[in-house]
């Protein structure tokens, strides 16, 4: 029997954050790791707009997370990466 396990049972979350931060900075991308609607890492290399205005507001952050949950469901359904617009119309 194969047990459903979380990636954090295999990879240390602090190590995962460090790798994500390095990759995001190197590739000039904004990244966050999510597993089954649960945030595994903090955002890496976010835009100044998101860092200052979205993550600094509980309401905006909640709306952002709702968008990401919808996006994750679509990715799982389609089985491939997708481009989507967030609640503010920004492309992700």
N, C-alpha and C. Protein backbone atom coordinates (compact mmCIF):
# COMPACT_ATOMS: atom_id res chain seq x y z
N UNK A 1 0.84 -1.16 0.00
CA UNK A 1 0.00 0.00 0.00
C UNK A 1 0.90 1.25 0.00
N UNK A 2 0.60 2.20 -0.87
CA UNK A 2 1.34 3.45 -0.94
C UNK A 2 0.63 4.49 -0.10
N UNK A 3 1.37 5.08 0.80
CA UNK A 3 0.83 6.09 1.69
C UNK A 3 0.95 7.46 1.04
N UNK A 4 -0.08 8.29 1.17
CA UNK A 4 0.03 9.68 0.72
C UNK A 4 0.92 10.41 1.70
N UNK A 5 2.02 10.94 1.17
CA UNK A 5 2.93 11.67 2.03
C UNK A 5 3.11 13.08 1.49
N UNK A 6 3.46 13.95 2.37
CA UNK A 6 3.72 15.34 2.00
C UNK A 6 5.19 15.48 1.61
N UNK A 7 5.46 16.40 0.72
CA UNK A 7 6.84 16.66 0.32
C UNK A 7 7.68 17.08 1.52
N UNK A 8 7.04 17.70 2.51
CA UNK A 8 7.78 18.15 3.69
C UNK A 8 8.22 16.98 4.58
N UNK A 9 7.71 15.78 4.31
CA UNK A 9 8.18 14.59 5.01
C UNK A 9 9.48 14.07 4.38
N UNK A 10 9.77 14.55 3.18
CA UNK A 10 10.96 14.11 2.45
C UNK A 10 12.03 15.20 2.45
N UNK A 11 11.58 16.45 2.27
CA UNK A 11 12.50 17.58 2.16
C UNK A 11 12.24 18.55 3.31
N UNK A 12 13.30 18.95 3.96
CA UNK A 12 13.21 19.92 5.05
C UNK A 12 12.64 21.24 4.52
N UNK A 13 11.58 21.78 5.13
CA UNK A 13 10.97 23.03 4.65
C UNK A 13 11.96 24.20 4.54
N UNK A 14 12.89 24.31 5.46
CA UNK A 14 13.88 25.40 5.41
C UNK A 14 14.78 25.24 4.19
N UNK A 15 15.18 24.00 3.89
CA UNK A 15 15.99 23.73 2.71
C UNK A 15 15.20 24.05 1.44
N UNK A 16 13.93 23.64 1.42
CA UNK A 16 13.06 23.92 0.27
C UNK A 16 12.92 25.42 0.06
N UNK A 17 12.78 26.18 1.13
CA UNK A 17 12.67 27.64 1.03
C UNK A 17 13.96 28.23 0.44
N UNK A 18 15.11 27.75 0.92
CA UNK A 18 16.39 28.25 0.41
C UNK A 18 16.57 27.96 -1.07
N UNK A 19 16.24 26.76 -1.50
CA UNK A 19 16.36 26.39 -2.91
C UNK A 19 15.40 27.24 -3.75
N UNK A 20 14.18 27.40 -3.28
CA UNK A 20 13.19 28.21 -3.99
C UNK A 20 13.65 29.66 -4.09
N UNK A 21 14.15 30.23 -3.00
CA UNK A 21 14.64 31.61 -3.01
C UNK A 21 15.75 31.79 -4.03
N UNK A 22 16.72 30.86 -4.04
CA UNK A 22 17.84 30.93 -4.97
C UNK A 22 17.35 30.82 -6.42
N UNK A 23 16.49 29.85 -6.69
CA UNK A 23 15.99 29.65 -8.05
C UNK A 23 15.19 30.86 -8.53
N UNK A 24 14.32 31.38 -7.67
CA UNK A 24 13.49 32.53 -8.03
C UNK A 24 14.36 33.74 -8.36
N UNK A 25 15.35 33.98 -7.53
CA UNK A 25 16.25 35.12 -7.76
C UNK A 25 17.08 34.92 -9.03
N UNK A 26 17.62 33.73 -9.21
CA UNK A 26 18.45 33.43 -10.37
C UNK A 26 17.67 33.54 -11.68
N UNK A 27 16.44 33.06 -11.68
CA UNK A 27 15.62 33.05 -12.90
C UNK A 27 14.73 34.28 -13.02
N UNK A 28 14.79 35.16 -12.02
CA UNK A 28 13.98 36.38 -11.99
C UNK A 28 12.48 36.05 -12.09
N UNK A 29 12.06 35.11 -11.24
CA UNK A 29 10.67 34.67 -11.18
C UNK A 29 10.15 34.87 -9.75
N UNK A 30 8.86 35.00 -9.63
CA UNK A 30 8.22 34.97 -8.32
C UNK A 30 7.70 33.55 -8.12
N UNK A 31 7.99 32.96 -6.98
CA UNK A 31 7.59 31.58 -6.72
C UNK A 31 7.01 31.42 -5.33
N UNK A 32 6.14 30.43 -5.22
CA UNK A 32 5.65 29.98 -3.92
C UNK A 32 5.33 28.50 -4.10
N UNK A 33 5.59 27.70 -3.10
CA UNK A 33 5.31 26.27 -3.18
C UNK A 33 4.04 25.96 -2.40
N UNK A 34 3.16 25.23 -3.06
CA UNK A 34 1.86 24.89 -2.48
C UNK A 34 1.62 23.39 -2.70
N UNK A 35 1.00 22.76 -1.72
CA UNK A 35 0.64 21.36 -1.85
C UNK A 35 -0.77 21.18 -1.30
N UNK A 36 -1.68 20.77 -2.16
CA UNK A 36 -3.07 20.54 -1.74
C UNK A 36 -3.64 21.72 -0.97
N UNK A 37 -3.56 22.91 -1.57
CA UNK A 37 -4.10 24.14 -0.99
C UNK A 37 -3.43 24.56 0.32
N UNK A 38 -2.26 24.03 0.61
CA UNK A 38 -1.53 24.42 1.81
C UNK A 38 -0.20 25.03 1.38
N UNK A 39 0.05 26.25 1.81
CA UNK A 39 1.30 26.93 1.49
C UNK A 39 2.45 26.24 2.21
N UNK A 40 3.49 25.87 1.45
CA UNK A 40 4.65 25.20 2.02
C UNK A 40 5.81 26.16 2.25
N UNK A 41 5.84 27.24 1.47
CA UNK A 41 6.94 28.20 1.58
C UNK A 41 6.38 29.61 1.59
N UNK A 42 7.23 30.53 1.98
CA UNK A 42 6.90 31.94 1.84
C UNK A 42 7.14 32.33 0.38
N UNK A 43 6.52 33.40 -0.08
CA UNK A 43 6.78 33.84 -1.45
C UNK A 43 8.25 34.22 -1.63
N UNK A 44 8.79 33.89 -2.78
CA UNK A 44 10.17 34.23 -3.13
C UNK A 44 10.17 35.20 -4.31
N UNK A 45 10.95 36.25 -4.19
CA UNK A 45 11.16 37.19 -5.28
C UNK A 45 9.85 37.81 -5.80
N UNK A 46 8.94 38.09 -4.89
CA UNK A 46 7.66 38.71 -5.29
C UNK A 46 7.91 40.11 -5.83
N UNK A 47 6.97 40.59 -6.62
CA UNK A 47 7.07 41.97 -7.10
C UNK A 47 6.94 42.91 -5.91
N UNK A 48 7.45 44.12 -6.05
CA UNK A 48 7.32 45.11 -4.98
C UNK A 48 5.85 45.36 -4.68
N UNK A 49 5.03 45.39 -5.72
CA UNK A 49 3.59 45.63 -5.54
C UNK A 49 2.98 44.58 -4.61
N UNK A 50 3.22 43.30 -4.92
CA UNK A 50 2.64 42.24 -4.09
C UNK A 50 3.22 42.25 -2.69
N UNK A 51 4.53 42.45 -2.59
CA UNK A 51 5.17 42.46 -1.27
C UNK A 51 4.63 43.58 -0.39
N UNK A 52 4.48 44.75 -0.95
CA UNK A 52 4.07 45.92 -0.16
C UNK A 52 2.56 45.98 0.08
N UNK A 53 1.77 45.67 -0.96
CA UNK A 53 0.33 45.93 -0.87
C UNK A 53 -0.52 44.69 -0.68
N UNK A 54 -0.13 43.57 -1.24
CA UNK A 54 -0.95 42.37 -1.12
C UNK A 54 -0.63 41.63 0.18
N UNK A 55 0.63 41.25 0.37
CA UNK A 55 0.99 40.47 1.54
C UNK A 55 0.91 41.29 2.83
N UNK A 56 0.82 42.59 2.71
CA UNK A 56 0.69 43.45 3.88
C UNK A 56 -0.75 43.67 4.33
N UNK A 57 -1.71 43.17 3.56
CA UNK A 57 -3.13 43.35 3.89
C UNK A 57 -3.79 41.98 4.04
N UNK A 58 -4.43 41.75 5.16
CA UNK A 58 -5.08 40.46 5.40
C UNK A 58 -6.13 40.16 4.34
N UNK A 59 -6.95 41.16 3.98
CA UNK A 59 -8.00 40.95 2.98
C UNK A 59 -7.41 40.66 1.60
N UNK A 60 -6.44 41.46 1.19
CA UNK A 60 -5.82 41.25 -0.12
C UNK A 60 -5.10 39.92 -0.18
N UNK A 61 -4.44 39.56 0.89
CA UNK A 61 -3.73 38.29 0.95
C UNK A 61 -4.72 37.12 0.86
N UNK A 62 -5.85 37.24 1.53
CA UNK A 62 -6.88 36.20 1.47
C UNK A 62 -7.41 36.04 0.05
N UNK A 63 -7.65 37.15 -0.63
CA UNK A 63 -8.12 37.09 -2.02
C UNK A 63 -7.07 36.48 -2.93
N UNK A 64 -5.83 36.83 -2.68
CA UNK A 64 -4.72 36.26 -3.45
C UNK A 64 -4.68 34.74 -3.26
N UNK A 65 -4.81 34.29 -2.04
CA UNK A 65 -4.78 32.85 -1.76
C UNK A 65 -5.98 32.14 -2.40
N UNK A 66 -7.14 32.79 -2.43
CA UNK A 66 -8.31 32.20 -3.10
C UNK A 66 -8.02 32.01 -4.59
N UNK A 67 -7.38 33.00 -5.20
CA UNK A 67 -7.01 32.90 -6.61
C UNK A 67 -6.05 31.73 -6.83
N UNK A 68 -5.08 31.59 -5.95
CA UNK A 68 -4.11 30.51 -6.09
C UNK A 68 -4.77 29.14 -5.92
N UNK A 69 -5.75 29.05 -5.05
CA UNK A 69 -6.46 27.78 -4.88
C UNK A 69 -7.22 27.40 -6.15
N UNK A 70 -7.87 28.38 -6.77
CA UNK A 70 -8.57 28.13 -8.04
C UNK A 70 -7.58 27.70 -9.11
N UNK A 71 -6.44 28.40 -9.14
CA UNK A 71 -5.41 28.09 -10.12
C UNK A 71 -4.89 26.68 -9.92
N UNK A 72 -4.63 26.30 -8.68
CA UNK A 72 -4.12 24.96 -8.40
C UNK A 72 -5.12 23.90 -8.85
N UNK A 73 -6.42 24.12 -8.60
CA UNK A 73 -7.44 23.16 -9.04
C UNK A 73 -7.43 23.01 -10.56
N UNK A 74 -7.27 24.12 -11.28
CA UNK A 74 -7.22 24.08 -12.74
C UNK A 74 -5.99 23.33 -13.23
N UNK A 75 -4.85 23.58 -12.59
CA UNK A 75 -3.62 22.90 -12.98
C UNK A 75 -3.76 21.39 -12.78
N UNK A 76 -4.33 21.00 -11.65
CA UNK A 76 -4.53 19.57 -11.37
C UNK A 76 -5.48 18.96 -12.39
N UNK A 77 -6.57 19.68 -12.70
CA UNK A 77 -7.55 19.17 -13.66
C UNK A 77 -6.95 19.02 -15.05
N UNK A 78 -6.20 20.03 -15.50
CA UNK A 78 -5.62 20.01 -16.85
C UNK A 78 -4.34 19.19 -16.93
N UNK A 79 -3.64 19.06 -15.80
CA UNK A 79 -2.40 18.31 -15.79
C UNK A 79 -1.24 19.02 -16.47
N UNK A 80 -1.31 20.35 -16.53
CA UNK A 80 -0.24 21.12 -17.14
C UNK A 80 -0.24 22.54 -16.58
N UNK A 81 0.88 23.24 -16.73
CA UNK A 81 0.92 24.63 -16.24
C UNK A 81 -0.07 25.51 -17.02
N UNK A 82 -0.59 26.53 -16.35
CA UNK A 82 -1.51 27.47 -17.00
C UNK A 82 -1.14 28.89 -16.61
N UNK A 83 -1.59 29.83 -17.39
CA UNK A 83 -1.47 31.25 -17.08
C UNK A 83 -2.85 31.72 -16.65
N UNK A 84 -2.91 32.46 -15.55
CA UNK A 84 -4.21 32.95 -15.07
C UNK A 84 -4.07 34.37 -14.57
N UNK A 85 -5.19 35.05 -14.45
CA UNK A 85 -5.22 36.39 -13.88
C UNK A 85 -5.70 36.31 -12.44
N UNK A 86 -5.03 37.06 -11.58
CA UNK A 86 -5.44 37.11 -10.19
C UNK A 86 -6.62 38.06 -10.02
N UNK A 87 -7.06 38.25 -8.80
CA UNK A 87 -8.21 39.11 -8.52
C UNK A 87 -7.97 40.55 -8.91
N UNK A 88 -6.71 40.94 -9.09
CA UNK A 88 -6.38 42.31 -9.51
C UNK A 88 -6.11 42.41 -11.01
N UNK A 89 -6.21 41.28 -11.70
CA UNK A 89 -5.97 41.28 -13.14
C UNK A 89 -4.52 41.08 -13.52
N UNK A 90 -3.68 40.76 -12.55
CA UNK A 90 -2.26 40.52 -12.86
C UNK A 90 -2.08 39.09 -13.36
N UNK A 91 -1.22 38.92 -14.35
CA UNK A 91 -0.96 37.59 -14.89
C UNK A 91 -0.04 36.80 -14.00
N UNK A 92 -0.39 35.54 -13.82
CA UNK A 92 0.43 34.60 -13.04
C UNK A 92 0.71 33.39 -13.91
